[in-house]
C-alpha atoms as a PDB file:
ATOM      1  CA  MET A   1      88.919  48.134  13.573  1.00  0.00           C
ATOM      2  CA  LYS A   2      87.895  45.613  16.194  1.00  0.00           C
ATOM      3  CA  VAL A   3      84.467  45.950  17.863  1.00  0.00           C
ATOM      4  CA  LEU A   4      84.007  44.449  21.319  1.00  0.00           C
ATOM      5  CA  SER A   5      81.398  44.678  24.069  1.00  0.00           C
ATOM      6  CA  LEU A   6      82.220  46.342  27.331  1.00  0.00           C
ATOM      7  CA  SER A   7      82.208  43.007  29.154  1.00  0.00           C
ATOM      8  CA  GLU A   8      84.706  41.547  26.668  1.00  0.00           C
ATOM      9  CA  VAL A   9      86.955  44.563  27.166  1.00  0.00           C
ATOM     10  CA  LYS A  10      86.778  44.270  30.943  1.00  0.00           C
ATOM     11  CA  ASN A  11      87.834  40.625  30.743  1.00  0.00           C
ATOM     12  CA  ASN A  12      90.717  41.234  28.354  1.00  0.00           C
ATOM     13  CA  LEU A  13      91.813  44.823  28.939  1.00  0.00           C
ATOM     14  CA  SER A  14      95.539  44.136  29.376  1.00  0.00           C
ATOM     15  CA  LYS A  15      95.738  42.061  26.213  1.00  0.00           C
ATOM     16  CA  LEU A  16      93.751  44.628  24.242  1.00  0.00           C
ATOM     17  CA  VAL A  17      95.983  47.506  25.383  1.00  0.00           C
ATOM     18  CA  ASP A  18      98.984  45.448  24.246  1.00  0.00           C
ATOM     19  CA  GLN A  19      97.361  45.058  20.783  1.00  0.00           C
ATOM     20  CA  VAL A  20      96.596  48.783  20.536  1.00  0.00           C
ATOM     21  CA  GLU A  21     100.186  49.592  21.548  1.00  0.00           C
ATOM     22  CA  LYS A  22     101.979  47.035  19.373  1.00  0.00           C
ATOM     23  CA  ILE A  23      99.966  46.995  16.134  1.00  0.00           C
ATOM     24  CA  GLN A  24      98.170  50.359  16.373  1.00  0.00           C
ATOM     25  CA  GLU A  25      94.828  48.589  16.312  1.00  0.00           C
ATOM     26  CA  GLU A  26      91.701  50.641  17.111  1.00  0.00           C
ATOM     27  CA  ILE A  27      89.037  49.056  19.308  1.00  0.00           C
ATOM     28  CA  THR A  28      85.449  50.222  19.485  1.00  0.00           C
ATOM     29  CA  ILE A  29      83.735  49.401  22.785  1.00  0.00           C
ATOM     30  CA  THR A  30      79.993  48.860  22.692  1.00  0.00           C
ATOM     31  CA  ARG A  31      77.457  49.115  25.458  1.00  0.00           C
ATOM     32  CA  ASN A  32      74.039  47.564  24.865  1.00  0.00           C
ATOM     33  CA  GLY A  33      75.049  47.008  21.235  1.00  0.00           C
ATOM     34  CA  ARG A  34      75.891  50.670  20.525  1.00  0.00           C
ATOM     35  CA  PRO A  35      79.299  52.260  20.230  1.00  0.00           C
ATOM     36  CA  ALA A  36      80.288  53.895  23.523  1.00  0.00           C
ATOM     37  CA  ALA A  37      84.041  54.522  23.278  1.00  0.00           C
ATOM     38  CA  VAL A  38      87.177  53.833  21.250  1.00  0.00           C
ATOM     39  CA  ILE A  39      90.649  52.761  22.397  1.00  0.00           C
ATOM     40  CA  VAL A  40      93.439  54.145  20.225  1.00  0.00           C
ATOM     41  CA  SER A  41      97.200  54.439  20.600  1.00  0.00           C
ATOM     42  CA  PRO A  42      98.677  57.681  21.904  1.00  0.00           C
ATOM     43  CA  ASP A  43     100.229  58.356  18.496  1.00  0.00           C
ATOM     44  CA  GLU A  44      96.867  58.013  16.752  1.00  0.00           C
ATOM     45  CA  TYR A  45      95.229  60.258  19.328  1.00  0.00           C
ATOM     46  CA  GLU A  46      97.918  62.934  18.950  1.00  0.00           C
ATOM     47  CA  GLY A  47      97.543  62.738  15.159  1.00  0.00           C
ATOM     48  CA  TRP A  48      93.801  63.360  15.466  1.00  0.00           C
ATOM     49  CA  LYS A  49      94.421  66.346  17.776  1.00  0.00           C
ATOM     50  CA  GLU A  50      96.906  67.839  15.301  1.00  0.00           C
ATOM     51  CA  THR A  51      94.466  67.348  12.425  1.00  0.00           C
ATOM     52  CA  ILE A  52      91.671  69.070  14.333  1.00  0.00           C
ATOM     53  CA  ALA A  53      93.989  71.961  15.246  1.00  0.00           C
ATOM     54  CA  ILE A  54      95.007  72.394  11.580  1.00  0.00           C
ATOM     55  CA  ARG A  55      91.461  72.192  10.284  1.00  0.00           C
ATOM     56  CA  SER A  56      90.315  74.703  12.912  1.00  0.00           C
ATOM     57  CA  ASP A  57      92.790  77.271  11.601  1.00  0.00           C
ATOM     58  CA  LYS A  58      90.636  79.048   9.034  1.00  0.00           C
ATOM     59  CA  GLU A  59      93.510  81.070   7.520  1.00  0.00           C
ATOM     60  CA  PHE A  60      95.669  78.008   7.109  1.00  0.00           C
ATOM     61  CA  MET A  61      92.824  76.028   5.517  1.00  0.00           C
ATOM     62  CA  ARG A  62      92.133  78.919   3.123  1.00  0.00           C
ATOM     63  CA  GLU A  63      95.802  78.821   2.051  1.00  0.00           C
ATOM     64  CA  ILE A  64      95.579  75.075   1.509  1.00  0.00           C
ATOM     65  CA  HIS A  65      92.496  75.437  -0.696  1.00  0.00           C
ATOM     66  CA  GLN A  66      94.136  78.213  -2.697  1.00  0.00           C
ATOM     67  CA  GLY A  67      97.178  75.997  -3.236  1.00  0.00           C
ATOM     68  CA  LEU A  68      95.025  73.107  -4.371  1.00  0.00           C
ATOM     69  CA  LYS A  69      93.173  75.342  -6.824  1.00  0.00           C
ATOM     70  CA  ALA A  70      96.532  76.544  -8.193  1.00  0.00           C
ATOM     71  CA  LEU A  71      97.694  72.929  -8.659  1.00  0.00           C
ATOM     72  CA  LYS A  72      94.498  71.971 -10.495  1.00  0.00           C
ATOM     73  CA  LYS A  73      95.031  74.813 -13.018  1.00  0.00           C
ATOM     74  CA  LYS A  74      98.416  73.434 -14.042  1.00  0.00           C
END
């Protein structure tokens, strides 16, 4: 993951968006030396949203944990 200051991102935004799009690179943007935002590809973002939705489904997660326990017993 690349880490850049906000001023660096402002000066190179088009190039950075190309990098994120082409090689799925994540870029952390800092402001005053602290992380302020992250640029990720749409595919990465959608994957995160799907993961959050799955993990928020308590019944589904219970089933996953039961399945994992059953596998460990074998």
